[in-house]
Structure formats: structure tokens, C-alpha cells
Amino acid sequence: MSASKEDSKLSEKELMERFQQKIDREQKIEPKDWMPEEYRKNLIRMISQHAHSEIVGMLPEANWLTRAPSLHRKLILMAKIQDEGGHGLYLYSAAETLGIERREMIEQLHSGKAKYSSVFNYPTLSWADVGAIGWLVDGAAIVNQVSLQRTSYGPYSRGMVRICKEESFHQRQGYEIVTVLAQGTLEQKEMAQDALNRWWWPA
């Protein structure tokens, strides 16, 4: 990682001590700051995996876009899919500040070198699955992601503030879909229960 003129005068030990002091004071590490190589590599791995999960997470819901039960539902689902694409963009951009190109991250995803959340490998068998994903999967993601708003790397931390706000909308959307189905016909209730049964443990 390139160091400023001031940093270049310090030894590796002094740089590490100053870095740790920032972490201990909960000050943000910014792209131009000196950072240990292991810290940078782990950030790239974590942020790129998060970005891949946001992009891959669009796929199960996009599968239902043309089959949503009303125009209103289509519009809400389209807004959610668009949000997820935006989340991937924020996160890829944050990772790029660490010196990796987006093309390289995408190649790592396609080759299997980089991972994404395995929850998106489960099939979406009914419209109720879209509700279960929003309520349970996005709800579980929020639990993990709220703490990332305070993560030490500035670009990741700031991106997570906006992402968490939008994920809360996604969770409410999913909850509302399941609630409507649970108040519907016997067939709709059974469909909602089946989706919740299948998504509970993966979520």
C-alpha cells in the first residue's frame, strides 16, 4: 500500500502501532492511509464476497418479476432488485479503493475463487418464497450488516449505512407479502407456510 511522505519516514513497527491506535480509537481507516497488507487482503475478500452476494441475490427474485401477482407487486419487486444492484455497486466501488479492479473481482466470482452467500442457491418455488426471502433472509442480513456500519474501513462503513436503510425496506416488503398471504385463502396460507418452512433454516 502506498504511504504518504510522513508515513515513509516511519518504520514498519511505528506504522503498525499508529494503525492500531486508530483502530483502538475507532477512527476510520481511509483508502490513502497506510494499512497492513493482511488487513487490505481480508477487506477485499470480505467486501467482494458481500458485493457478489448482493448481485447474485437479485437472481431468485428477478425470476418472479414477470409472475408477480399484480402490477403493484411488480413495481415493488423491481425497486428491490434495483436496490440490490446498487448495493453491489457501492461495495465493488469500496473494494476498488483497496487496489483491486472490478473486472478481477467478477472473474474471481465466475471462476469460483470468490464466494457468495449460499442461501441464494435455494430455489424459489412460489410467490410466497419472495416474501420469505425478504422477511427472513434480508432480516438475517440486517442483523449481520448493522454492525458493519461501524467497521473500521471508511468506504465500507459509509456504504453500509445506506445499504442497511434499504434492507429494512426489503424486510418490511417480505413481511407484508407473507402477512397478506396468511390472511388469504386456505391455498395462500398453505403456500406461505410452505415457504416459511423451507426458508427458516437456510435464513
Protein backbone atom coordinates (compact mmCIF):
# COMPACT_ATOMS: atom_id res chain seq x y z
CA MET A 1 0.00 0.00 0.00
CA SER A 2 1.42 3.39 -0.93
CA ALA A 3 2.37 5.54 2.04
CA SER A 4 2.32 9.32 2.42
CA LYS A 5 5.59 11.27 2.73
CA GLU A 6 5.11 11.34 6.50
CA ASP A 7 4.46 7.59 6.61
CA SER A 8 7.54 6.83 4.51
CA LYS A 9 9.73 8.17 7.32
CA LEU A 10 8.34 5.66 9.81
CA SER A 11 9.41 2.08 10.39
CA GLU A 12 7.02 -0.85 9.82
CA LYS A 13 6.62 -1.20 13.59
CA GLU A 14 5.77 2.51 14.01
CA LEU A 15 3.27 2.36 11.16
CA MET A 16 1.64 -0.69 12.71
CA GLU A 17 1.43 0.99 16.11
CA ARG A 18 -0.18 4.08 14.60
CA PHE A 19 -2.60 1.94 12.63
CA GLN A 20 -3.59 0.03 15.78
CA GLN A 21 -4.08 3.29 17.70
CA LYS A 22 -6.57 4.43 15.06
CA ILE A 23 -8.42 1.15 15.33
CA ASP A 24 -8.48 1.38 19.16
CA ARG A 25 -9.84 4.94 18.99
CA GLU A 26 -12.47 3.73 16.47
CA GLN A 27 -11.19 6.14 13.85
CA LYS A 28 -11.86 5.17 10.25
CA ILE A 29 -9.10 3.86 8.04
CA GLU A 30 -9.29 5.64 4.68
CA PRO A 31 -8.00 4.48 1.25
CA LYS A 32 -4.85 6.66 1.32
CA ASP A 33 -3.93 5.65 4.88
CA TRP A 34 -1.20 3.10 5.50
CA MET A 35 -2.62 -0.32 6.33
CA PRO A 36 -1.16 -3.80 6.84
CA GLU A 37 -1.26 -5.96 3.72
CA GLU A 38 -3.20 -8.68 5.57
CA TYR A 39 -5.86 -6.12 6.55
CA ARG A 40 -6.17 -4.99 2.92
CA LYS A 41 -6.41 -8.55 1.59
CA ASN A 42 -9.06 -9.56 4.14
CA LEU A 43 -11.09 -6.43 3.37
CA ILE A 44 -11.03 -7.21 -0.36
CA ARG A 45 -12.13 -10.79 0.31
CA MET A 46 -14.93 -9.73 2.66
CA ILE A 47 -16.24 -6.76 0.65
CA SER A 48 -16.10 -8.60 -2.69
CA GLN A 49 -17.95 -11.59 -1.22
CA HIS A 50 -20.58 -9.18 0.13
CA ALA A 51 -20.85 -7.46 -3.28
CA HIS A 52 -21.19 -10.80 -5.08
CA SER A 53 -23.96 -11.81 -2.66
CA GLU A 54 -25.91 -8.63 -3.43
CA ILE A 55 -25.66 -9.24 -7.19
CA VAL A 56 -26.43 -12.98 -7.04
CA GLY A 57 -29.27 -12.16 -4.61
CA MET A 58 -31.06 -10.35 -7.43
CA LEU A 59 -31.48 -13.58 -9.41
CA PRO A 60 -34.08 -15.56 -7.38
CA GLU A 61 -36.34 -12.50 -7.21
CA ALA A 62 -35.84 -11.47 -10.84
CA ASN A 63 -37.16 -14.97 -11.64
CA TRP A 64 -40.54 -13.83 -10.24
CA LEU A 65 -40.66 -10.35 -11.73
CA THR A 66 -42.91 -11.27 -14.67
CA ARG A 67 -45.04 -13.57 -12.47
CA ALA A 68 -45.72 -11.23 -9.53
CA PRO A 69 -49.48 -11.25 -8.82
CA SER A 70 -50.15 -7.58 -9.64
CA LEU A 71 -48.57 -4.51 -11.23
CA HIS A 72 -48.17 -3.06 -7.73
CA ARG A 73 -46.17 -6.14 -6.65
CA LYS A 74 -44.09 -6.00 -9.84
CA LEU A 75 -43.14 -2.35 -9.19
CA ILE A 76 -42.13 -3.04 -5.57
CA LEU A 77 -40.13 -6.10 -6.55
CA MET A 78 -38.42 -4.19 -9.36
CA ALA A 79 -37.44 -1.47 -6.88
CA LYS A 80 -35.96 -4.08 -4.58
CA ILE A 81 -33.97 -5.73 -7.37
CA GLN A 82 -32.68 -2.30 -8.39
CA ASP A 83 -31.62 -1.64 -4.78
CA GLU A 84 -29.66 -4.90 -4.66
CA GLY A 85 -27.83 -3.95 -7.86
CA GLY A 86 -27.00 -0.60 -6.26
CA HIS A 87 -25.68 -2.33 -3.14
CA GLY A 88 -23.35 -4.41 -5.29
CA LEU A 89 -22.16 -1.22 -7.00
CA TYR A 90 -21.42 0.54 -3.66
CA LEU A 91 -19.49 -2.48 -2.43
CA TYR A 92 -17.48 -3.09 -5.61
CA SER A 93 -16.58 0.61 -5.54
CA ALA A 94 -15.46 0.33 -1.90
CA ALA A 95 -13.29 -2.69 -2.75
CA GLU A 96 -11.76 -0.84 -5.70
CA THR A 97 -10.36 1.78 -3.30
CA LEU A 98 -8.15 -1.04 -1.98
CA GLY A 99 -6.41 -1.50 -5.32
CA ILE A 100 -8.36 -4.31 -7.00
CA GLU A 101 -10.26 -3.89 -10.26
CA ARG A 102 -13.93 -4.78 -10.53
CA ARG A 103 -13.20 -6.97 -13.56
CA GLU A 104 -10.84 -9.06 -11.44
CA MET A 105 -13.48 -9.49 -8.71
CA ILE A 106 -16.08 -10.60 -11.28
CA GLU A 107 -13.60 -13.07 -12.79
CA GLN A 108 -12.97 -14.49 -9.30
CA LEU A 109 -16.73 -14.94 -8.84
CA HIS A 110 -17.16 -16.66 -12.21
CA SER A 111 -14.18 -18.96 -11.66
CA GLY A 112 -15.39 -19.97 -8.18
CA LYS A 113 -12.35 -18.47 -6.45
CA ALA A 114 -14.60 -15.90 -4.75
CA LYS A 115 -17.74 -16.95 -2.88
CA TYR A 116 -21.20 -15.53 -2.28
CA SER A 117 -23.92 -16.33 0.25
CA SER A 118 -25.07 -19.91 -0.36
CA VAL A 119 -28.64 -19.03 0.67
CA PHE A 120 -29.23 -17.80 -2.88
CA ASN A 121 -28.72 -21.31 -4.28
CA TYR A 122 -32.10 -22.45 -2.92
CA PRO A 123 -34.96 -22.48 -5.46
CA THR A 124 -37.88 -20.04 -5.32
CA LEU A 125 -40.84 -22.33 -5.93
CA SER A 126 -43.75 -19.94 -5.31
CA TRP A 127 -44.58 -16.26 -4.91
CA ALA A 128 -44.53 -16.82 -1.14
CA ASP A 129 -40.79 -17.53 -1.42
CA VAL A 130 -40.25 -13.90 -2.42
CA GLY A 131 -41.93 -12.89 0.84
CA ALA A 132 -39.94 -15.39 2.88
CA ILE A 133 -36.66 -14.20 1.36
CA GLY A 134 -37.47 -10.59 2.16
CA TRP A 135 -38.64 -11.28 5.69
CA LEU A 136 -36.20 -13.99 6.79
CA VAL A 137 -33.10 -13.76 4.56
CA ASP A 138 -32.96 -9.95 4.42
CA GLY A 139 -33.85 -9.87 8.12
CA ALA A 140 -30.89 -12.13 8.92
CA ALA A 141 -28.65 -9.99 6.69
CA ILE A 142 -29.64 -6.87 8.62
CA VAL A 143 -28.54 -8.50 11.89
CA ASN A 144 -25.08 -9.04 10.37
CA GLN A 145 -24.88 -5.77 8.48
CA VAL A 146 -25.87 -3.29 11.18
CA SER A 147 -22.56 -3.92 12.96
CA LEU A 148 -20.71 -3.26 9.67
CA GLN A 149 -21.85 0.37 9.83
CA ARG A 150 -19.16 0.71 12.49
CA THR A 151 -16.48 -1.28 10.69
CA SER A 152 -13.00 0.24 10.65
CA TYR A 153 -12.71 0.84 6.89
CA GLY A 154 -14.36 4.17 6.00
CA PRO A 155 -15.73 3.45 2.49
CA TYR A 156 -17.26 0.13 3.63
CA SER A 157 -18.71 1.68 6.78
CA ARG A 158 -20.35 4.58 4.94
CA GLY A 159 -21.74 2.32 2.23
CA MET A 160 -23.32 0.09 4.87
CA VAL A 161 -25.32 2.98 6.37
CA ARG A 162 -27.30 3.38 3.16
CA ILE A 163 -27.48 -0.36 2.47
CA CYS A 164 -28.97 -1.08 5.90
CA LYS A 165 -31.69 1.54 5.41
CA GLU A 166 -32.71 -0.07 2.13
CA GLU A 167 -32.51 -3.61 3.54
CA SER A 168 -35.04 -2.56 6.19
CA PHE A 169 -37.45 -1.68 3.38
CA HIS A 170 -36.83 -5.10 1.82
CA GLN A 171 -37.58 -6.87 5.09
CA ARG A 172 -40.86 -4.94 5.52
CA GLN A 173 -41.81 -5.79 1.94
CA GLY A 174 -41.25 -9.50 2.59
CA TYR A 175 -43.13 -9.43 5.88
CA GLU A 176 -46.07 -7.70 4.20
CA ILE A 177 -46.23 -10.31 1.40
CA VAL A 178 -46.32 -13.16 3.94
CA THR A 179 -48.89 -11.35 6.10
CA VAL A 180 -51.25 -10.83 3.15
CA LEU A 181 -50.95 -14.50 2.15
CA ALA A 182 -51.52 -15.60 5.76
CA GLN A 183 -54.84 -13.70 5.74
CA GLY A 184 -55.90 -15.12 2.36
CA THR A 185 -57.43 -18.36 1.14
CA LEU A 186 -56.50 -21.77 2.50
CA GLU A 187 -54.28 -22.31 -0.55
CA GLN A 188 -52.48 -19.00 0.06
CA LYS A 189 -51.99 -19.81 3.75
CA GLU A 190 -50.53 -23.21 2.86
CA MET A 191 -48.23 -21.59 0.29
CA ALA A 192 -46.98 -19.08 2.88
CA GLN A 193 -46.41 -21.80 5.48
CA ASP A 194 -44.57 -24.00 2.99
CA ALA A 195 -42.25 -21.11 2.05
CA LEU A 196 -41.53 -20.30 5.69
CA ASN A 197 -40.84 -23.97 6.45
CA ARG A 198 -38.32 -24.19 3.61
CA TRP A 199 -36.57 -20.84 4.20
CA TRP A 200 -36.36 -20.81 8.01
CA TRP A 201 -33.21 -22.92 8.36
CA PRO A 202 -31.33 -21.55 5.32
CA ALA A 203 -32.02 -18.00 6.58
